[in-house]
């Protein structure tokens, strides 16, 4: 008689010491030479000023608003990390994301 396949299995989740949550504004990528889907995730923010000048008040305090700001007129895309996955996993993750976005749409209609 052959060995019976179990009816269930259990996954135990362990949190990596490097675990972090990132705000994602977008992604780019494509297929690598192995046929895997590669996705690089980034966050966007306005450039931080290189310099700001403030007026010093008679009482020694600094005005709240700068009188001069030196800043590049760009949006910074902070490339955080990339992921590589086989097409089956990529499709599964994509479907999961769509399900979560649909759930949000249903929730926001009620609010």
Protein backbone atom coordinates (compact mmCIF):
# COMPACT_ATOMS: atom_id res chain seq x y z
CA UNK A 1 0.00 0.00 0.00
CA UNK A 2 1.25 3.50 -0.89
CA UNK A 3 1.78 6.38 1.48
CA UNK A 4 -1.35 8.52 1.91
CA UNK A 5 -1.11 12.18 0.95
CA UNK A 6 -2.03 14.44 3.90
CA UNK A 7 -5.34 16.33 3.66
CA UNK A 8 -3.86 19.53 5.06
CA UNK A 9 -0.59 21.26 5.57
CA UNK A 10 0.37 24.13 7.87
CA UNK A 11 2.63 27.07 7.12
CA UNK A 12 4.27 28.81 10.03
CA UNK A 13 5.30 32.40 9.31
CA UNK A 14 8.56 33.74 10.71
CA UNK A 15 9.27 37.47 10.49
CA UNK A 16 12.64 38.28 8.96
CA UNK A 17 14.85 40.66 10.97
CA UNK A 18 15.02 42.72 7.76
CA UNK A 19 11.23 42.98 7.48
CA UNK A 20 10.03 46.48 6.64
CA UNK A 21 6.96 48.12 5.11
CA UNK A 22 7.54 50.54 2.24
CA UNK A 23 5.13 52.97 0.58
CA UNK A 24 5.17 52.12 -3.13
CA UNK A 25 4.32 54.72 -5.78
CA UNK A 26 5.16 52.65 -8.83
CA UNK A 27 7.11 49.86 -10.46
CA UNK A 28 9.10 49.06 -13.57
CA UNK A 29 10.70 45.92 -14.91
CA UNK A 30 10.19 43.10 -17.37
CA UNK A 31 11.37 39.57 -18.09
CA UNK A 32 14.90 38.47 -17.34
CA UNK A 33 16.91 35.97 -19.41
CA UNK A 34 15.44 33.08 -17.36
CA UNK A 35 11.84 34.03 -18.18
CA UNK A 36 11.16 35.37 -14.69
CA UNK A 37 9.20 38.54 -14.06
CA UNK A 38 11.45 41.18 -12.48
CA UNK A 39 9.76 44.13 -10.79
CA UNK A 40 11.59 47.05 -9.22
CA UNK A 41 9.55 49.15 -6.78
CA UNK A 42 10.03 52.82 -6.03
CA UNK A 43 8.67 55.66 -3.93
CA UNK A 44 8.34 59.25 -5.15
CA UNK A 45 8.77 62.51 -3.31
CA UNK A 46 9.66 66.10 -4.09
CA UNK A 47 13.35 66.92 -3.88
CA UNK A 48 14.56 68.05 -0.48
CA UNK A 49 15.86 71.64 -0.56
CA UNK A 50 19.62 71.94 -0.88
CA UNK A 51 19.56 75.21 1.09
CA UNK A 52 17.02 77.42 2.81
CA UNK A 53 17.56 80.94 4.13
CA UNK A 54 15.52 82.37 6.99
CA UNK A 55 15.21 85.84 8.49
CA UNK A 56 16.33 86.13 12.10
CA UNK A 57 13.84 88.12 14.18
CA UNK A 58 14.81 90.86 16.64
CA UNK A 59 14.22 88.44 19.54
CA UNK A 60 16.69 85.94 18.04
CA UNK A 61 14.04 83.50 16.82
CA UNK A 62 13.98 82.27 13.23
CA UNK A 63 11.01 83.05 10.98
CA UNK A 64 8.87 80.02 10.19
CA UNK A 65 8.88 80.64 6.44
CA UNK A 66 12.12 80.71 4.45
CA UNK A 67 12.92 83.81 2.46
CA UNK A 68 14.98 81.83 -0.06
CA UNK A 69 14.92 78.17 -1.07
CA UNK A 70 17.48 76.51 -3.31
CA UNK A 71 15.93 73.33 -4.60
CA UNK A 72 16.10 71.25 -7.73
CA UNK A 73 12.78 71.22 -9.56
CA UNK A 74 12.60 67.44 -9.76
CA UNK A 75 10.71 64.52 -8.30
CA UNK A 76 12.96 61.96 -6.64
CA UNK A 77 12.25 58.30 -7.33
CA UNK A 78 13.82 56.34 -4.51
CA UNK A 79 14.35 52.85 -5.92
CA UNK A 80 13.82 50.63 -2.90
CA UNK A 81 14.18 47.03 -4.04
CA UNK A 82 13.29 44.55 -6.74
CA UNK A 83 11.65 41.15 -6.81
CA UNK A 84 12.00 38.29 -9.26
CA UNK A 85 9.35 35.60 -9.62
CA UNK A 86 8.26 32.96 -12.06
CA UNK A 87 5.24 33.82 -14.26
CA UNK A 88 2.88 31.59 -12.24
CA UNK A 89 3.71 33.44 -9.02
CA UNK A 90 3.56 36.81 -10.80
CA UNK A 91 0.05 36.03 -12.06
CA UNK A 92 -1.02 34.88 -8.60
CA UNK A 93 0.36 38.04 -6.95
CA UNK A 94 -1.31 40.18 -9.63
CA UNK A 95 -4.68 38.49 -9.04
CA UNK A 96 -4.28 38.93 -5.28
CA UNK A 97 -3.56 42.64 -5.70
CA UNK A 98 -6.64 43.06 -7.92
CA UNK A 99 -8.80 41.27 -5.32
CA UNK A 100 -7.55 43.64 -2.60
CA UNK A 101 -8.15 46.70 -4.79
CA UNK A 102 -11.68 45.43 -5.56
CA UNK A 103 -12.32 44.92 -1.84
CA UNK A 104 -11.24 48.52 -1.23
CA UNK A 105 -13.64 49.74 -3.92
CA UNK A 106 -16.53 47.89 -2.28
CA UNK A 107 -15.55 49.22 1.15
CA UNK A 108 -15.23 52.83 -0.06
CA UNK A 109 -18.70 52.71 -1.66
CA UNK A 110 -20.18 52.02 1.80
CA UNK A 111 -18.28 54.82 3.54
